Amino acid sequence: MQVWPLHGSLHNSDQLQAFLSPPQGVRKVVVATNLAETSITLPGIVFGECSGGGGSCNLW
């Protein structure tokens, strides 16, 4: 399992790690801040979970 953070204060090159495909047989987990307004698509993500902590959760 690979776990990648994704938020605005990360350096651009660190943010790009979340967009890379993991090696064969490795699950990718992205822990992110609210991304609803940025409208990004992360390849290979098949499930989204929202904590609901303080805002609306609009996944897909």
PDB file of N, CA and C in Angstrom:
ATOM      1  N   MET A   1       0.837  -1.166   0.000  1.00  0.00           N
ATOM      2  CA  MET A   1       0.000   0.000   0.000  1.00  0.00           C
ATOM      3  C   MET A   1       0.888   1.237   0.000  1.00  0.00           C
ATOM      4  N   GLN A   2       0.537   2.193  -0.870  1.00  0.00           N
ATOM      5  CA  GLN A   2       1.197   3.494  -0.895  1.00  0.00           C
ATOM      6  C   GLN A   2       0.190   4.533  -0.412  1.00  0.00           C
ATOM      7  N   VAL A   3       0.596   5.389   0.508  1.00  0.00           N
ATOM      8  CA  VAL A   3      -0.276   6.443   1.022  1.00  0.00           C
ATOM      9  C   VAL A   3       0.332   7.784   0.652  1.00  0.00           C
ATOM     10  N   TRP A   4      -0.466   8.616  -0.043  1.00  0.00           N
ATOM     11  CA  TRP A   4       0.013   9.922  -0.476  1.00  0.00           C
ATOM     12  C   TRP A   4      -0.877  11.012   0.091  1.00  0.00           C
ATOM     13  N   PRO A   5      -0.286  12.049   0.702  1.00  0.00           N
ATOM     14  CA  PRO A   5      -1.075  13.210   1.107  1.00  0.00           C
ATOM     15  C   PRO A   5      -1.293  14.113  -0.105  1.00  0.00           C
ATOM     16  N   LEU A   6      -2.357  14.876  -0.096  1.00  0.00           N
ATOM     17  CA  LEU A   6      -2.614  15.816  -1.187  1.00  0.00           C
ATOM     18  C   LEU A   6      -3.305  17.043  -0.607  1.00  0.00           C
ATOM     19  N   HIS A   7      -2.564  18.154  -0.542  1.00  0.00           N
ATOM     20  CA  HIS A   7      -3.122  19.414  -0.062  1.00  0.00           C
ATOM     21  C   HIS A   7      -2.299  20.569  -0.608  1.00  0.00           C
ATOM     22  N   GLY A   8      -2.842  21.747  -0.520  1.00  0.00           N
ATOM     23  CA  GLY A   8      -2.258  22.917  -1.165  1.00  0.00           C
ATOM     24  C   GLY A   8      -0.896  23.353  -0.673  1.00  0.00           C
ATOM     25  N   SER A   9      -0.519  23.020   0.553  1.00  0.00           N
ATOM     26  CA  SER A   9       0.776  23.478   1.051  1.00  0.00           C
ATOM     27  C   SER A   9       1.938  22.556   0.674  1.00  0.00           C
ATOM     28  N   LEU A  10       1.635  21.447   0.004  1.00  0.00           N
ATOM     29  CA  LEU A  10       2.707  20.561  -0.477  1.00  0.00           C
ATOM     30  C   LEU A  10       3.374  21.173  -1.701  1.00  0.00           C
ATOM     31  N   HIS A  11       4.649  20.912  -1.861  1.00  0.00           N
ATOM     32  CA  HIS A  11       5.370  21.327  -3.067  1.00  0.00           C
ATOM     33  C   HIS A  11       4.728  20.631  -4.270  1.00  0.00           C
ATOM     34  N   ASN A  12       4.739  21.295  -5.407  1.00  0.00           N
ATOM     35  CA  ASN A  12       4.109  20.765  -6.614  1.00  0.00           C
ATOM     36  C   ASN A  12       4.593  19.353  -6.960  1.00  0.00           C
ATOM     37  N   SER A  13       5.886  19.097  -6.843  1.00  0.00           N
ATOM     38  CA  SER A  13       6.408  17.764  -7.190  1.00  0.00           C
ATOM     39  C   SER A  13       5.875  16.700  -6.233  1.00  0.00           C
ATOM     40  N   ASP A  14       5.628  17.068  -4.973  1.00  0.00           N
ATOM     41  CA  ASP A  14       5.047  16.123  -4.013  1.00  0.00           C
ATOM     42  C   ASP A  14       3.576  15.864  -4.320  1.00  0.00           C
ATOM     43  N   GLN A  15       2.844  16.913  -4.748  1.00  0.00           N
ATOM     44  CA  GLN A  15       1.447  16.741  -5.126  1.00  0.00           C
ATOM     45  C   GLN A  15       1.304  15.794  -6.308  1.00  0.00           C
ATOM     46  N   LEU A  16       2.228  15.858  -7.238  1.00  0.00           N
ATOM     47  CA  LEU A  16       2.159  15.021  -8.444  1.00  0.00           C
ATOM     48  C   LEU A  16       2.261  13.531  -8.131  1.00  0.00           C
ATOM     49  N   GLN A  17       2.832  13.159  -6.994  1.00  0.00           N
ATOM     50  CA  GLN A  17       2.952  11.748  -6.620  1.00  0.00           C
ATOM     51  C   GLN A  17       1.580  11.085  -6.524  1.00  0.00           C
ATOM     52  N   ALA A  18       0.562  11.836  -6.132  1.00  0.00           N
ATOM     53  CA  ALA A  18      -0.784  11.284  -6.006  1.00  0.00           C
ATOM     54  C   ALA A  18      -1.375  10.904  -7.361  1.00  0.00           C
ATOM     55  N   PHE A  19      -0.839  11.466  -8.447  1.00  0.00           N
ATOM     56  CA  PHE A  19      -1.365  11.198  -9.780  1.00  0.00           C
ATOM     57  C   PHE A  19      -0.676  10.020 -10.471  1.00  0.00           C
ATOM     58  N   LEU A  20       0.420   9.545  -9.907  1.00  0.00           N
ATOM     59  CA  LEU A  20       1.146   8.439 -10.525  1.00  0.00           C
ATOM     60  C   LEU A  20       0.482   7.108 -10.207  1.00  0.00           C
ATOM     61  N   SER A  21       0.576   6.173 -11.126  1.00  0.00           N
ATOM     62  CA  SER A  21       0.042   4.835 -10.896  1.00  0.00           C
ATOM     63  C   SER A  21       0.974   4.056  -9.976  1.00  0.00           C
ATOM     64  N   PRO A  22       0.415   3.302  -9.049  1.00  0.00           N
ATOM     65  CA  PRO A  22       1.266   2.493  -8.172  1.00  0.00           C
ATOM     66  C   PRO A  22       1.782   1.266  -8.926  1.00  0.00           C
ATOM     67  N   PRO A  23       2.798   0.622  -8.414  1.00  0.00           N
ATOM     68  CA  PRO A  23       3.279  -0.615  -9.032  1.00  0.00           C
ATOM     69  C   PRO A  23       2.182  -1.681  -9.029  1.00  0.00           C
ATOM     70  N   GLN A  24       2.297  -2.642  -9.916  1.00  0.00           N
ATOM     71  CA  GLN A  24       1.340  -3.750 -10.004  1.00  0.00           C
ATOM     72  C   GLN A  24       1.162  -4.420  -8.644  1.00  0.00           C
ATOM     73  N   GLY A  25      -0.076  -4.599  -8.224  1.00  0.00           N
ATOM     74  CA  GLY A  25      -0.373  -5.276  -6.975  1.00  0.00           C
ATOM     75  C   GLY A  25      -0.308  -4.396  -5.738  1.00  0.00           C
ATOM     76  N   VAL A  26      -0.048  -3.100  -5.928  1.00  0.00           N
ATOM     77  CA  VAL A  26       0.045  -2.174  -4.798  1.00  0.00           C
ATOM     78  C   VAL A  26      -1.169  -1.254  -4.818  1.00  0.00           C
ATOM     79  N   ARG A  27      -1.817  -1.116  -3.687  1.00  0.00           N
ATOM     80  CA  ARG A  27      -2.990  -0.253  -3.565  1.00  0.00           C
ATOM     81  C   ARG A  27      -2.543   1.166  -3.252  1.00  0.00           C
ATOM     82  N   LYS A  28      -3.187   2.142  -3.920  1.00  0.00           N
ATOM     83  CA  LYS A  28      -2.867   3.556  -3.703  1.00  0.00           C
ATOM     84  C   LYS A  28      -3.960   4.184  -2.839  1.00  0.00           C
ATOM     85  N   VAL A  29      -3.547   4.869  -1.768  1.00  0.00           N
ATOM     86  CA  VAL A  29      -4.468   5.580  -0.889  1.00  0.00           C
ATOM     87  C   VAL A  29      -4.053   7.047  -0.908  1.00  0.00           C
ATOM     88  N   VAL A  30      -5.011   7.935  -1.201  1.00  0.00           N
ATOM     89  CA  VAL A  30      -4.735   9.370  -1.207  1.00  0.00           C
ATOM     90  C   VAL A  30      -5.534  10.005  -0.075  1.00  0.00           C
ATOM     91  N   VAL A  31      -4.825  10.657   0.832  1.00  0.00           N
ATOM     92  CA  VAL A  31      -5.451  11.370   1.939  1.00  0.00           C
ATOM     93  C   VAL A  31      -5.409  12.841   1.579  1.00  0.00           C
ATOM     94  N   ALA A  32      -6.594  13.431   1.419  1.00  0.00           N
ATOM     95  CA  ALA A  32      -6.637  14.788   0.872  1.00  0.00           C
ATOM     96  C   ALA A  32      -7.584  15.692   1.642  1.00  0.00           C
ATOM     97  N   THR A  33      -7.349  16.990   1.467  1.00  0.00           N
ATOM     98  CA  THR A  33      -8.283  17.983   1.959  1.00  0.00           C
ATOM     99  C   THR A  33      -9.456  18.048   0.988  1.00  0.00           C
ATOM    100  N   ASN A  34     -10.426  18.879   1.272  1.00  0.00           N
ATOM    101  CA  ASN A  34     -11.605  18.995   0.424  1.00  0.00           C
ATOM    102  C   ASN A  34     -11.197  19.427  -0.989  1.00  0.00           C
ATOM    103  N   LEU A  35     -11.431  18.550  -1.954  1.00  0.00           N
ATOM    104  CA  LEU A  35     -11.025  18.818  -3.340  1.00  0.00           C
ATOM    105  C   LEU A  35     -12.199  19.139  -4.251  1.00  0.00           C
ATOM    106  N   ALA A  36     -13.392  19.234  -3.703  1.00  0.00           N
ATOM    107  CA  ALA A  36     -14.578  19.406  -4.535  1.00  0.00           C
ATOM    108  C   ALA A  36     -14.480  20.628  -5.443  1.00  0.00           C
ATOM    109  N   GLU A  37     -13.893  21.701  -4.969  1.00  0.00           N
ATOM    110  CA  GLU A  37     -13.836  22.922  -5.765  1.00  0.00           C
ATOM    111  C   GLU A  37     -12.739  22.899  -6.811  1.00  0.00           C
ATOM    112  N   THR A  38     -11.761  22.031  -6.676  1.00  0.00           N
ATOM    113  CA  THR A  38     -10.670  22.003  -7.642  1.00  0.00           C
ATOM    114  C   THR A  38     -10.961  21.088  -8.815  1.00  0.00           C
ATOM    115  N   SER A  39     -11.934  20.209  -8.680  1.00  0.00           N
ATOM    116  CA  SER A  39     -12.374  19.334  -9.767  1.00  0.00           C
ATOM    117  C   SER A  39     -11.230  18.557 -10.411  1.00  0.00           C
ATOM    118  N   ILE A  40     -10.472  17.841  -9.622  1.00  0.00           N
ATOM    119  CA  ILE A  40      -9.408  17.017 -10.179  1.00  0.00           C
ATOM    120  C   ILE A  40      -9.883  15.568 -10.271  1.00  0.00           C
ATOM    121  N   THR A  41      -9.252  14.843 -11.153  1.00  0.00           N
ATOM    122  CA  THR A  41      -9.517  13.417 -11.299  1.00  0.00           C
ATOM    123  C   THR A  41      -8.210  12.676 -11.072  1.00  0.00           C
ATOM    124  N   LEU A  42      -8.217  11.747 -10.133  1.00  0.00           N
ATOM    125  CA  LEU A  42      -7.030  10.944  -9.868  1.00  0.00           C
ATOM    126  C   LEU A  42      -7.207   9.592 -10.536  1.00  0.00           C
ATOM    127  N   PRO A  43      -6.325   9.243 -11.481  1.00  0.00           N
ATOM    128  CA  PRO A  43      -6.454   7.965 -12.158  1.00  0.00           C
ATOM    129  C   PRO A  43      -6.298   6.799 -11.193  1.00  0.00           C
ATOM    130  N   GLY A  44      -7.118   5.779 -11.396  1.00  0.00           N
ATOM    131  CA  GLY A  44      -7.014   4.571 -10.591  1.00  0.00           C
ATOM    132  C   GLY A  44      -7.797   4.604  -9.292  1.00  0.00           C
ATOM    133  N   ILE A  45      -8.414   5.727  -8.964  1.00  0.00           N
ATOM    134  CA  ILE A  45      -9.208   5.807  -7.740  1.00  0.00           C
ATOM    135  C   ILE A  45     -10.593   5.230  -8.036  1.00  0.00           C
ATOM    136  N   VAL A  46     -10.982   4.238  -7.258  1.00  0.00           N
ATOM    137  CA  VAL A  46     -12.274   3.587  -7.487  1.00  0.00           C
ATOM    138  C   VAL A  46     -13.240   3.784  -6.331  1.00  0.00           C
ATOM    139  N   PHE A  47     -12.792   4.418  -5.248  1.00  0.00           N
ATOM    140  CA  PHE A  47     -13.645   4.621  -4.085  1.00  0.00           C
ATOM    141  C   PHE A  47     -13.261   5.925  -3.410  1.00  0.00           C
ATOM    142  N   GLY A  48     -14.254   6.673  -2.985  1.00  0.00           N
ATOM    143  CA  GLY A  48     -14.001   7.912  -2.255  1.00  0.00           C
ATOM    144  C   GLY A  48     -14.723   7.890  -0.924  1.00  0.00           C
ATOM    145  N   GLU A  49     -14.099   8.437   0.082  1.00  0.00           N
ATOM    146  CA  GLU A  49     -14.678   8.497   1.430  1.00  0.00           C
ATOM    147  C   GLU A  49     -14.542   9.927   1.924  1.00  0.00           C
ATOM    148  N   CYS A  50     -15.588  10.423   2.549  1.00  0.00           N
ATOM    149  CA  CYS A  50     -15.571  11.783   3.075  1.00  0.00           C
ATOM    150  C   CYS A  50     -15.845  11.743   4.567  1.00  0.00           C
ATOM    151  N   SER A  51     -15.015  12.449   5.331  1.00  0.00           N
ATOM    152  CA  SER A  51     -15.199  12.464   6.781  1.00  0.00           C
ATOM    153  C   SER A  51     -16.364  13.339   7.200  1.00  0.00           C
ATOM    154  N   GLY A  52     -16.734  14.302   6.352  1.00  0.00           N
ATOM    155  CA  GLY A  52     -17.844  15.192   6.673  1.00  0.00           C
ATOM    156  C   GLY A  52     -17.518  16.196   7.746  1.00  0.00           C
ATOM    157  N   GLY A  53     -16.273  16.349   8.075  1.00  0.00           N
ATOM    158  CA  GLY A  53     -15.871  17.244   9.167  1.00  0.00           C
ATOM    159  C   GLY A  53     -15.936  18.711   8.798  1.00  0.00           C
ATOM    160  N   GLY A  54     -17.105  19.297   8.848  1.00  0.00           N
ATOM    161  CA  GLY A  54     -17.212  20.729   8.673  1.00  0.00           C
ATOM    162  C   GLY A  54     -17.666  21.199   7.308  1.00  0.00           C
ATOM    163  N   GLY A  55     -18.016  20.319   6.417  1.00  0.00           N
ATOM    164  CA  GLY A  55     -18.484  20.759   5.107  1.00  0.00           C
ATOM    165  C   GLY A  55     -19.266  19.684   4.420  1.00  0.00           C
ATOM    166  N   SER A  56     -19.692  20.017   3.225  1.00  0.00           N
ATOM    167  CA  SER A  56     -20.448  19.028   2.461  1.00  0.00           C
ATOM    168  C   SER A  56     -19.501  18.054   1.801  1.00  0.00           C
ATOM    169  N   CYS A  57     -19.991  16.863   1.539  1.00  0.00           N
ATOM    170  CA  CYS A  57     -19.199  15.820   0.896  1.00  0.00           C
ATOM    171  C   CYS A  57     -19.849  15.474  -0.429  1.00  0.00           C
ATOM    172  N   ASN A  58     -19.282  15.979  -1.496  1.00  0.00           N
ATOM    173  CA  ASN A  58     -19.788  15.693  -2.833  1.00  0.00           C
ATOM    174  C   ASN A  58     -18.747  14.872  -3.578  1.00  0.00           C
ATOM    175  N   LEU A  59     -18.892  13.566  -3.538  1.00  0.00           N
ATOM    176  CA  LEU A  59     -17.983  12.675  -4.257  1.00  0.00           C
ATOM    177  C   LEU A  59     -18.697  12.201  -5.503  1.00  0.00           C
ATOM    178  N   TRP A  60     -18.153  12.521  -6.624  1.00  0.00           N
ATOM    179  CA  TRP A  60     -18.719  12.200  -7.935  1.00  0.00           C
ATOM    180  C   TRP A  60     -20.013  12.911  -8.088  1.00  0.00           C
TER     181      TRP A  60
END
